[in-house]
Protein backbone atom coordinates (compact mmCIF):
# COMPACT_ATOMS: atom_id res chain seq x y z
CA ASP A 1 0.00 0.00 0.00
CA THR A 2 1.49 3.39 -0.99
CA VAL A 3 0.34 6.97 -0.37
CA ASN A 4 1.97 10.35 -0.97
CA THR A 5 1.76 13.42 1.26
CA THR A 6 2.82 17.02 0.60
CA ASP A 7 1.59 18.66 3.81
CA ASN A 8 0.24 17.84 7.27
CA THR A 9 -3.20 16.66 6.12
CA PRO A 10 -4.04 13.16 7.39
CA THR A 11 -4.04 10.71 4.45
CA ALA A 12 -5.63 7.25 4.47
CA PHE A 13 -4.09 3.98 3.38
CA ASN A 14 -6.40 1.16 2.21
CA SER A 15 -8.92 0.13 4.84
CA ILE A 16 -8.72 -3.12 6.79
CA GLU A 17 -12.00 -4.98 7.25
CA ILE A 18 -12.81 -6.42 10.65
CA PRO A 19 -15.29 -9.27 10.02
CA THR A 20 -18.42 -9.57 12.18
CA ASP A 21 -17.91 -11.47 15.44
CA LYS A 22 -14.13 -11.60 14.96
CA THR A 23 -11.17 -10.13 16.81
CA VAL A 24 -8.21 -9.07 14.68
CA TYR A 25 -4.64 -8.24 15.73
CA ILE A 26 -3.09 -5.84 13.17
CA THR A 27 0.61 -5.33 12.55
CA TYR A 28 1.28 -2.39 10.23
CA SER A 29 4.81 -1.53 9.05
CA VAL A 30 5.52 1.83 7.39
CA ASN A 31 8.57 3.13 5.52
CA ALA A 32 8.86 6.61 4.07
CA LYS A 33 11.19 8.65 1.91
CA ARG A 34 11.21 12.39 1.28
CA THR A 35 10.84 12.98 -2.45
CA GLY A 36 10.71 16.78 -2.63
CA GLY A 37 9.38 19.98 -1.07
CA THR A 38 11.14 22.83 0.66
CA ALA A 39 11.42 21.34 4.16
CA GLY A 40 13.81 18.60 5.23
CA ALA A 41 16.82 17.26 3.39
CA ALA A 42 17.05 15.19 0.22
CA GLY A 43 16.82 11.48 0.97
CA ASP A 44 15.34 11.82 4.47
CA SER A 45 13.83 8.47 5.44
CA TYR A 46 11.53 7.32 8.19
CA ARG A 47 10.40 3.97 9.50
CA ILE A 48 7.72 2.83 11.89
CA SER A 49 8.93 -0.72 12.35
CA ALA A 50 5.41 -1.63 13.36
CA ALA A 51 2.19 -0.29 14.76
CA TYR A 52 0.11 -2.86 16.62
CA GLY A 53 -3.61 -2.71 17.35
CA THR A 54 -6.29 -5.21 18.33
CA TYR A 55 -9.90 -4.66 17.29
CA LYS A 56 -13.10 -6.64 17.72
CA ASN A 57 -16.33 -6.55 15.75
CA VAL A 58 -19.33 -7.51 17.86
CA ALA A 59 -22.57 -7.42 15.86
CA GLY A 60 -21.18 -4.76 13.50
CA THR A 61 -19.66 -2.47 16.15
CA ILE A 62 -15.86 -2.09 16.12
CA THR A 63 -13.99 -1.39 19.34
CA GLN A 64 -10.28 -1.31 20.09
CA ILE A 65 -8.89 -3.61 22.75
CA GLY A 66 -6.15 -1.76 24.65
CA THR A 67 -4.18 0.96 22.87
CA THR A 68 -2.13 1.19 19.70
CA GLU A 69 1.51 0.33 20.37
CA PHE A 70 4.46 1.45 18.27
CA ASP A 71 7.93 0.11 17.58
CA PHE A 72 9.83 2.98 15.97
CA GLY A 73 12.85 2.30 13.80
CA THR A 74 16.11 4.16 14.14
CA ILE A 75 15.70 6.17 10.93
CA THR A 76 13.84 9.29 12.05
CA PRO A 77 14.72 12.66 10.50
CA THR A 78 14.00 15.88 12.32
CA GLY A 79 10.50 17.17 11.72
CA ILE A 80 8.50 13.93 11.59
CA PRO A 81 6.46 13.81 14.81
CA SER A 82 5.80 10.61 16.72
CA ASP A 83 2.03 11.01 16.23
CA THR A 84 2.41 10.65 12.46
CA PHE A 85 0.45 7.36 12.29
CA ALA A 86 -2.97 6.34 13.63
CA PHE A 87 -5.60 3.64 13.22
CA VAL A 88 -9.05 5.21 12.66
CA ILE A 89 -12.29 3.26 13.10
CA SER A 90 -14.77 3.79 10.24
CA GLY A 91 -17.85 1.57 10.18
CA THR A 92 -16.58 -2.02 10.25
CA ASN A 93 -13.13 -1.05 8.95
CA ILE A 94 -9.88 0.21 10.39
CA ILE A 95 -8.28 2.95 8.31
CA PRO A 96 -4.52 3.33 8.80
CA THR A 97 -3.83 7.07 8.52
CA ILE A 98 -0.55 8.91 8.03
CA THR A 99 0.11 12.64 8.52
CA GLY A 100 2.90 14.22 6.52
CA ILE A 101 4.87 17.44 7.06
CA VAL A 102 4.15 20.90 5.67
CA ASP A 103 6.15 21.64 2.47
CA THR A 104 7.55 18.11 2.34
CA ASN A 105 6.73 15.53 -0.32
CA ILE A 106 6.87 12.05 1.21
CA THR A 107 6.13 8.64 -0.30
CA TRP A 108 4.86 6.24 2.37
CA ASN A 109 4.93 2.46 1.78
CA ALA A 110 3.16 0.07 4.12
CA THR A 111 2.52 -3.61 4.67
CA VAL A 112 -0.22 -5.11 6.80
CA LYS A 113 -0.53 -8.41 8.62
CA ARG A 114 -3.82 -9.53 10.14
CA GLU A 115 -4.09 -12.27 12.73
CA PHE A 116 -7.54 -13.55 13.68
CA LEU A 117 -7.88 -14.32 17.37
């Protein structure tokens, strides 16, 4: 899954369906590279090694179990805040959302792993 940002507007990746009467543990890994803009330096890179969240769907209502946990990589340029990534509940889906940086073009690449509990 790939998205591009050019400012600090939250941008959605593809949604993750949580089937009815299931609990799903999500592991979401994100890598990013600055591709242009006036802020930052050429080649800046960023990695969220993984974001972890557990969600259940009971009769069509999604709730999170616990909180989202993060494992940040060591490649973090100045200017990318730690609250860059979030899981957003929308209907019976989880929408991974990334927030870029003003005046910075970033290409974000992500992989998702779902485990049914």
